[in-house]
Amino acid sequence: MTKIVSAAAYLVDIPVETERTDAVQAFVKQETVFVELRTDDGLSGTGYSYTIGTGGRAVLSMLRDHLLPLLDGRDAREVEAAWRELFAVTRATTVGAITSLALAAVDTALWDLRCLRAGEPLWRLAGGFRRAVPVYDTEGGWLHLPTEDLVRGAVAARDAGLCGVKLKIGRPRVDEDAERVAAVRAAVGPGMDIMVDANQSMTYAEARRRAHALEPYGVSFFEEPLPADDVQGHRELARSTSIPVAVGESLYSVGQFRDYLARGAASVVQADVARVGGITPWLKVAHLAEAFNVALCPHFLMELHVSLVAAVPAGTYVEHIPQLRAITLGELPIEDGHAVAPDVPGLGITWDRDAMDDLRVA
């Protein structure tokens, strides 16, 4: 049998490993919401989602009060049906971050069970396109860092074999951003990808100015230049610059990605498996990206995204931001600039249960 006999959720607060800032916020902590599902055939699946400082308790309440009670007795194999049912009972709060994050915690636990039952790793069961995927580093590119630290981090990433680096932009003056990007380009040479991320901080006019100033440095993509709901602004920006426009970190449904792609407003999509509602909708975005012939470079969560990017043809990059090391055993293996997807059954994340208990919020 495969019926769910137990469903529990809890919150773990993980401190940041290093100071992280962008044009609009600081990464305070990772509020990590876990869901544990047990089935009557003796399997246990673990799923999770996260916020970066606020909202974790709201996600936990959504799970405990509304979603988990509906899982009792369900067949854990029917992942799509479960997602649809949970989405239907939360229509009053969809599409929205809290609901999507709650759905993702359940959905990733169901996928963990699916993979465990099949005896297959996630990267293969979700598609099995390839096992290793290119990595770019963001950890050395935060906005508060002085230019010399950006250069030092980028050179270290290059020397470690990584394929690219991402720099946060949004300094008060255009020339400040341009000088920082120029310094990194001069240090790493032409053979390394450089991405920039404005974290939704700009108007269309300002984003266009910045893009024009950065074009000489071969920027691989310009991430979230405008507010995430400004599809038209992103479309106009994409038409005005040679730099590919990237969006998706702050989109919470497959339909939002469809709107961007149908209107030619993005050349790179960055679906976050937690924010879009789980692996089930994430794969739909991945196949949508393939249909529109655009790159898929998901935001954050490298420990989970490595398997998903490896699963699909549109997968292009994994973003390197270590954040789960406090509650996991082992490191994400990186070989020749490529992250290697775990080849063990399940999601492939080895949780340190004692450390999780120590950081669990009462």
Protein backbone atom coordinates (compact mmCIF):
# COMPACT_ATOMS: atom_id res chain seq x y z
CA MET A 1 0.00 0.00 0.00
CA THR A 2 1.05 3.62 -0.44
CA LYS A 3 -1.37 5.57 1.73
CA ILE A 4 -0.16 8.52 3.76
CA VAL A 5 -0.55 7.70 7.45
CA SER A 6 1.29 10.66 8.95
CA ALA A 7 1.90 14.27 7.87
CA ALA A 8 3.83 16.75 9.99
CA ALA A 9 5.36 20.18 9.45
CA TYR A 10 7.93 22.15 11.42
CA LEU A 11 10.14 25.21 11.09
CA VAL A 12 13.94 25.40 11.20
CA ASP A 13 15.74 28.75 11.25
CA ILE A 14 19.14 28.59 9.54
CA PRO A 15 21.49 31.54 10.05
CA VAL A 16 23.15 32.96 6.96
CA GLU A 17 26.69 31.77 6.29
CA THR A 18 27.87 35.24 5.25
CA GLU A 19 26.46 38.76 4.96
CA ARG A 20 24.24 39.00 1.87
CA THR A 21 22.84 42.24 0.48
CA ASP A 22 21.26 43.44 -2.74
CA ALA A 23 19.63 46.63 -3.95
CA VAL A 24 16.46 46.20 -1.86
CA GLN A 25 17.13 43.91 1.11
CA ALA A 26 19.48 41.84 3.23
CA PHE A 27 19.28 38.08 3.67
CA VAL A 28 18.55 37.85 7.40
CA LYS A 29 18.07 34.11 7.90
CA GLN A 30 16.53 31.20 6.08
CA GLU A 31 13.22 30.22 7.64
CA THR A 32 13.01 26.65 6.37
CA VAL A 33 9.66 24.86 6.51
CA PHE A 34 9.83 21.07 6.46
CA VAL A 35 7.11 18.52 5.75
CA GLU A 36 7.52 14.87 6.72
CA LEU A 37 5.19 12.30 5.15
CA ARG A 38 5.04 8.63 6.15
CA THR A 39 3.19 5.95 4.21
CA ASP A 40 1.81 2.61 5.27
CA ASP A 41 4.50 0.77 3.32
CA GLY A 42 7.14 2.13 5.70
CA LEU A 43 8.59 4.94 3.61
CA SER A 44 9.22 8.47 4.85
CA GLY A 45 9.57 11.49 2.55
CA THR A 46 10.99 14.89 3.46
CA GLY A 47 10.13 18.09 1.61
CA TYR A 48 10.90 21.72 2.28
CA SER A 49 10.56 25.34 1.23
CA TYR A 50 11.90 28.59 2.63
CA THR A 51 11.72 32.32 3.16
CA ILE A 52 14.64 34.70 3.73
CA GLY A 53 13.57 36.23 7.00
CA THR A 54 9.80 36.67 7.22
CA GLY A 55 6.72 34.57 6.58
CA GLY A 56 7.95 31.16 7.69
CA ARG A 57 5.40 30.90 10.47
CA ALA A 58 2.61 31.87 8.09
CA VAL A 59 3.63 29.05 5.75
CA LEU A 60 3.72 26.66 8.70
CA SER A 61 0.21 27.70 9.74
CA MET A 62 -1.09 27.23 6.21
CA LEU A 63 0.27 23.70 6.22
CA ARG A 64 -0.94 22.69 9.65
CA ASP A 65 -4.35 24.36 9.51
CA HIS A 66 -5.38 23.68 5.91
CA LEU A 67 -3.18 21.36 3.85
CA LEU A 68 -1.75 18.51 5.90
CA PRO A 69 -5.13 17.30 7.25
CA LEU A 70 -6.21 16.66 3.64
CA LEU A 71 -3.32 14.26 3.05
CA ASP A 72 -4.40 11.61 5.56
CA GLY A 73 -5.20 8.41 3.69
CA ARG A 74 -4.24 9.76 0.25
CA ASP A 75 -2.29 7.62 -2.17
CA ALA A 76 1.19 9.17 -2.15
CA ARG A 77 1.79 8.06 -5.75
CA GLU A 78 -0.86 10.45 -7.08
CA VAL A 79 1.33 13.54 -6.91
CA GLU A 80 -0.45 15.61 -9.55
CA ALA A 81 -3.87 14.88 -8.04
CA ALA A 82 -2.66 15.85 -4.58
CA TRP A 83 -1.19 19.13 -5.85
CA ARG A 84 -4.43 20.01 -7.64
CA GLU A 85 -6.58 19.25 -4.64
CA LEU A 86 -4.44 21.32 -2.29
CA PHE A 87 -4.34 24.17 -4.77
CA ALA A 88 -8.14 24.06 -5.08
CA VAL A 89 -8.75 24.43 -1.35
CA THR A 90 -6.44 27.46 -1.19
CA ARG A 91 -7.91 29.41 -4.10
CA ALA A 92 -8.69 32.35 -1.84
CA THR A 93 -4.94 32.87 -1.34
CA THR A 94 -3.59 31.94 -4.77
CA VAL A 95 -1.57 32.96 -6.64
CA GLY A 96 0.62 34.07 -3.76
CA ALA A 97 3.89 33.44 -2.00
CA ILE A 98 2.61 31.88 1.23
CA THR A 99 0.40 29.35 -0.52
CA SER A 100 3.03 28.44 -3.14
CA LEU A 101 5.67 27.90 -0.47
CA ALA A 102 3.29 25.66 1.50
CA LEU A 103 2.40 23.65 -1.60
CA ALA A 104 6.09 23.24 -2.40
CA ALA A 105 6.90 21.75 1.00
CA VAL A 106 4.24 19.07 0.45
CA ASP A 107 5.05 18.48 -3.20
CA THR A 108 8.78 17.99 -2.65
CA ALA A 109 8.01 15.47 0.09
CA LEU A 110 5.73 13.57 -2.32
CA TRP A 111 8.48 13.57 -4.94
CA ASP A 112 10.94 12.31 -2.34
CA LEU A 113 8.57 9.41 -1.69
CA ARG A 114 8.08 8.80 -5.41
CA CYS A 115 11.82 8.56 -5.99
CA LEU A 116 12.41 6.41 -2.92
CA ARG A 117 9.69 4.00 -3.97
CA ALA A 118 11.09 3.76 -7.49
CA GLY A 119 14.66 3.43 -6.22
CA GLU A 120 15.72 6.28 -8.50
CA PRO A 121 17.38 9.68 -8.00
CA LEU A 122 15.34 12.79 -8.68
CA TRP A 123 17.41 13.89 -11.68
CA ARG A 124 16.59 10.66 -13.50
CA LEU A 125 12.95 10.26 -12.48
CA ALA A 126 12.15 13.89 -13.35
CA GLY A 127 13.59 13.54 -16.85
CA GLY A 128 17.11 12.19 -16.83
CA PHE A 129 18.67 14.54 -19.41
CA ARG A 130 22.22 14.60 -17.96
CA ARG A 131 23.82 14.32 -14.55
CA ALA A 132 26.22 17.29 -14.36
CA VAL A 133 25.28 20.94 -14.95
CA PRO A 134 27.29 24.20 -15.11
CA VAL A 135 27.60 26.32 -11.97
CA TYR A 136 27.90 30.07 -11.50
CA ASP A 137 28.71 31.73 -8.18
CA THR A 138 26.69 34.46 -6.48
CA GLU A 139 28.21 34.25 -3.01
CA GLY A 140 31.09 36.54 -3.93
CA GLY A 141 28.98 39.20 -5.65
CA TRP A 142 26.89 40.93 -2.97
CA LEU A 143 26.18 44.64 -3.27
CA HIS A 144 27.88 45.77 -0.07
CA LEU A 145 31.23 44.27 -1.06
CA PRO A 146 33.91 46.68 -2.28
CA THR A 147 35.15 46.27 -5.83
CA GLU A 148 38.37 44.59 -4.77
CA ASP A 149 36.38 41.89 -2.95
CA LEU A 150 34.19 41.34 -6.01
CA VAL A 151 37.31 40.87 -8.11
CA ARG A 152 38.87 38.55 -5.55
CA GLY A 153 35.74 36.41 -5.39
CA ALA A 154 35.36 36.23 -9.16
CA VAL A 155 38.99 35.23 -9.66
CA ALA A 156 38.63 32.55 -6.99
CA ALA A 157 35.52 31.21 -8.73
CA ARG A 158 37.34 31.17 -12.07
CA ASP A 159 40.37 29.42 -10.58
CA ALA A 160 38.04 26.84 -9.00
CA GLY A 161 36.72 26.09 -12.47
CA LEU A 162 33.26 27.63 -12.12
CA CYS A 163 31.67 28.80 -15.34
CA GLY A 164 30.37 32.19 -14.23
CA VAL A 165 29.75 34.75 -11.49
CA LYS A 166 26.79 36.97 -10.68
CA LEU A 167 27.19 40.50 -9.35
CA LYS A 168 24.48 42.46 -7.57
CA ILE A 169 23.93 45.92 -9.03
CA GLY A 170 21.92 48.94 -7.96
CA ARG A 171 24.52 51.33 -6.60
CA PRO A 172 23.37 54.96 -6.52
CA ARG A 173 25.21 55.90 -9.73
CA VAL A 174 25.36 54.12 -13.06
CA ASP A 175 29.12 54.55 -13.29
CA GLU A 176 29.57 52.74 -9.96
CA ASP A 177 27.86 49.61 -11.27
CA ALA A 178 29.69 49.84 -14.58
CA GLU A 179 33.10 50.25 -12.92
CA ARG A 180 32.51 47.22 -10.69
CA VAL A 181 31.45 45.01 -13.60
CA ALA A 182 34.33 46.31 -15.72
CA ALA A 183 36.84 45.47 -12.97
CA VAL A 184 35.57 41.91 -12.72
CA ARG A 185 35.61 41.47 -16.49
CA ALA A 186 39.18 42.73 -16.68
CA ALA A 187 40.22 40.32 -13.94
CA VAL A 188 38.56 37.14 -15.22
CA GLY A 189 38.95 37.72 -18.95
CA PRO A 190 36.49 37.06 -21.77
CA GLY A 191 35.99 33.35 -21.15
CA MET A 192 33.83 33.57 -18.02
CA ASP A 193 30.14 34.43 -17.84
CA ILE A 194 29.19 37.51 -15.80
CA MET A 195 25.56 37.97 -14.79
CA VAL A 196 24.05 41.00 -13.02
CA ASP A 197 21.04 41.19 -10.71
CA ALA A 198 19.10 44.35 -9.77
CA ASN A 199 16.50 42.61 -7.57
CA GLN A 200 13.50 44.53 -8.98
CA SER A 201 14.97 47.86 -7.88
CA MET A 202 14.75 49.91 -11.08
CA THR A 203 12.35 51.77 -13.29
CA TYR A 204 12.29 50.94 -16.99
CA ALA A 205 14.23 54.10 -17.83
CA GLU A 206 16.92 53.40 -15.24
CA ALA A 207 17.23 49.74 -16.22
CA ARG A 208 17.69 50.77 -19.83
CA ARG A 209 20.47 53.20 -18.82
CA ARG A 210 22.23 50.52 -16.78
CA ALA A 211 21.91 47.91 -19.53
CA HIS A 212 23.44 50.33 -22.05
CA ALA A 213 26.33 51.02 -19.67
CA LEU A 214 26.96 47.30 -19.09
CA GLU A 215 26.71 46.06 -22.68
CA PRO A 216 30.46 46.56 -23.41
CA TYR A 217 31.35 43.98 -20.74
CA GLY A 218 29.61 40.99 -22.27
CA VAL A 219 27.01 40.48 -19.55
CA SER A 220 25.30 37.10 -19.93
CA PHE A 221 21.98 38.17 -18.42
CA PHE A 222 20.33 41.06 -16.55
CA GLU A 223 18.23 39.62 -13.74
CA GLU A 224 15.06 41.18 -12.30
CA PRO A 225 15.74 44.73 -13.45
CA LEU A 226 12.09 45.77 -12.83
CA PRO A 227 9.28 44.77 -10.45
CA ALA A 228 8.20 41.22 -11.19
CA ASP A 229 4.67 42.20 -12.19
CA ASP A 230 5.89 44.65 -14.86
CA VAL A 231 5.71 42.30 -17.85
CA GLN A 232 5.40 45.16 -20.33
CA GLY A 233 8.44 46.95 -18.92
CA HIS A 234 10.54 43.79 -19.19
CA ARG A 235 9.32 43.31 -22.75
CA GLU A 236 10.37 46.82 -23.74
CA LEU A 237 13.71 46.42 -22.00
CA ALA A 238 14.37 43.11 -23.76
CA ARG A 239 13.78 44.88 -27.08
CA SER A 240 16.15 47.74 -26.20
CA THR A 241 19.27 45.83 -25.14
CA SER A 242 21.48 43.03 -26.37
CA ILE A 243 21.76 41.68 -22.82
CA PRO A 244 19.32 38.80 -22.20
CA VAL A 245 16.67 39.64 -19.58
CA ALA A 246 16.13 37.10 -16.80
CA VAL A 247 13.06 36.77 -14.55
CA GLY A 248 11.37 34.17 -12.40
CA GLU A 249 12.73 34.32 -8.86
CA SER A 250 9.63 36.25 -7.81
CA LEU A 251 7.02 34.49 -9.95
CA TYR A 252 4.65 32.09 -8.23
CA SER A 253 2.74 30.23 -10.93
CA VAL A 254 3.19 28.54 -14.28
CA GLY A 255 0.79 31.08 -15.78
CA GLN A 256 3.02 34.00 -14.85
CA PHE A 257 5.92 32.38 -16.69
CA ARG A 258 3.66 31.75 -19.68
CA ASP A 259 2.76 35.44 -19.84
CA TYR A 260 6.42 36.50 -19.83
CA LEU A 261 7.42 34.02 -22.51
CA ALA A 262 4.41 34.61 -24.76
CA ARG A 263 5.15 38.34 -24.79
CA GLY A 264 8.88 38.00 -25.40
CA ALA A 265 9.66 39.62 -22.06
CA ALA A 266 12.34 37.19 -20.89
CA SER A 267 15.20 35.29 -22.47
CA VAL A 268 16.12 33.43 -19.27
CA VAL A 269 13.66 31.99 -16.74
CA GLN A 270 14.67 31.42 -13.13
CA ALA A 271 11.89 29.31 -11.63
CA ASP A 272 12.46 28.70 -7.92
CA VAL A 273 11.08 25.29 -6.98
CA ALA A 274 9.86 26.55 -3.60
CA ARG A 275 8.30 29.77 -4.81
CA VAL A 276 6.53 28.27 -7.83
CA GLY A 277 4.84 25.61 -5.68
CA GLY A 278 7.03 22.54 -5.92
CA ILE A 279 8.61 20.13 -8.36
CA THR A 280 5.32 19.42 -10.13
CA PRO A 281 4.79 23.00 -11.42
CA TRP A 282 8.56 23.58 -11.75
CA LEU A 283 8.78 20.87 -14.38
CA LYS A 284 5.92 22.50 -16.29
CA VAL A 285 7.87 25.76 -16.35
CA ALA A 286 10.95 23.84 -17.51
CA HIS A 287 9.09 22.32 -20.44
CA LEU A 288 7.50 25.69 -21.22
CA ALA A 289 10.99 27.19 -21.36
CA GLU A 290 12.06 24.45 -23.74
CA ALA A 291 9.04 25.09 -25.96
CA PHE A 292 9.98 28.79 -26.17
CA ASN A 293 13.67 27.94 -26.64
CA VAL A 294 14.87 29.94 -23.64
CA ALA A 295 17.39 29.06 -20.95
CA LEU A 296 16.36 27.85 -17.49
CA CYS A 297 18.63 29.04 -14.66
CA PRO A 298 16.77 28.60 -11.36
CA HIS A 299 17.15 30.84 -8.36
CA PHE A 300 18.93 29.64 -5.19
CA LEU A 301 18.33 26.17 -3.60
CA MET A 302 21.29 24.59 -5.35
CA GLU A 303 20.98 21.35 -3.38
CA LEU A 304 17.59 20.67 -4.96
CA HIS A 305 17.90 22.54 -8.24
CA VAL A 306 20.99 20.59 -9.29
CA SER A 307 18.81 17.51 -9.81
CA LEU A 308 16.05 19.42 -11.57
CA VAL A 309 18.36 21.31 -13.93
CA ALA A 310 20.01 17.99 -14.73
CA ALA A 311 16.62 16.46 -15.52
CA VAL A 312 15.52 18.77 -18.36
CA PRO A 313 16.94 19.98 -21.69
CA ALA A 314 16.31 23.68 -20.95
CA GLY A 315 18.38 23.54 -17.76
CA THR A 316 21.43 25.75 -18.23
CA TYR A 317 22.93 26.78 -14.89
CA VAL A 318 22.81 26.13 -11.14
CA GLU A 319 23.36 29.10 -8.82
CA HIS A 320 26.00 28.54 -6.14
CA ILE A 321 24.87 29.99 -2.79
CA PRO A 322 25.64 27.57 0.06
CA GLN A 323 22.97 27.80 2.74
CA LEU A 324 22.03 24.29 3.92
CA ARG A 325 25.45 23.22 5.21
CA ALA A 326 24.37 23.81 8.81
CA ILE A 327 21.74 21.05 8.55
CA THR A 328 23.11 18.66 5.92
CA LEU A 329 25.89 16.11 5.72
CA GLY A 330 28.32 16.43 2.86
CA GLU A 331 28.83 19.04 0.16
CA LEU A 332 27.37 19.50 -3.30
CA PRO A 333 30.06 17.96 -5.52
CA ILE A 334 31.44 20.29 -8.21
CA GLU A 335 33.73 18.86 -10.88
CA ASP A 336 35.22 20.90 -13.73
CA GLY A 337 32.80 23.75 -13.08
CA HIS A 338 29.77 21.45 -13.09
CA ALA A 339 27.58 20.44 -10.15
CA VAL A 340 26.93 16.71 -10.07
CA ALA A 341 23.39 15.61 -9.23
CA PRO A 342 23.08 13.02 -6.44
CA ASP A 343 22.63 9.51 -7.78
CA VAL A 344 20.87 8.02 -4.74
CA PRO A 345 17.12 7.41 -4.47
CA GLY A 346 15.06 10.42 -3.35
CA LEU A 347 15.83 14.12 -3.46
CA GLY A 348 19.45 13.33 -2.75
CA ILE A 349 19.84 15.65 0.25
CA THR A 350 21.31 14.01 3.36
CA TRP A 351 19.75 15.83 6.29
CA ASP A 352 21.56 16.17 9.63
CA ARG A 353 18.61 15.45 11.89
CA ASP A 354 20.41 16.39 15.10
CA ALA A 355 21.38 19.78 13.69
CA MET A 356 17.83 20.32 12.44
CA ASP A 357 16.48 19.58 15.92
CA ASP A 358 18.91 22.08 17.42
CA LEU A 359 17.67 24.84 15.09
CA ARG A 360 13.98 23.93 15.18
CA VAL A 361 11.63 26.73 16.21
CA ALA A 362 9.35 25.80 19.08
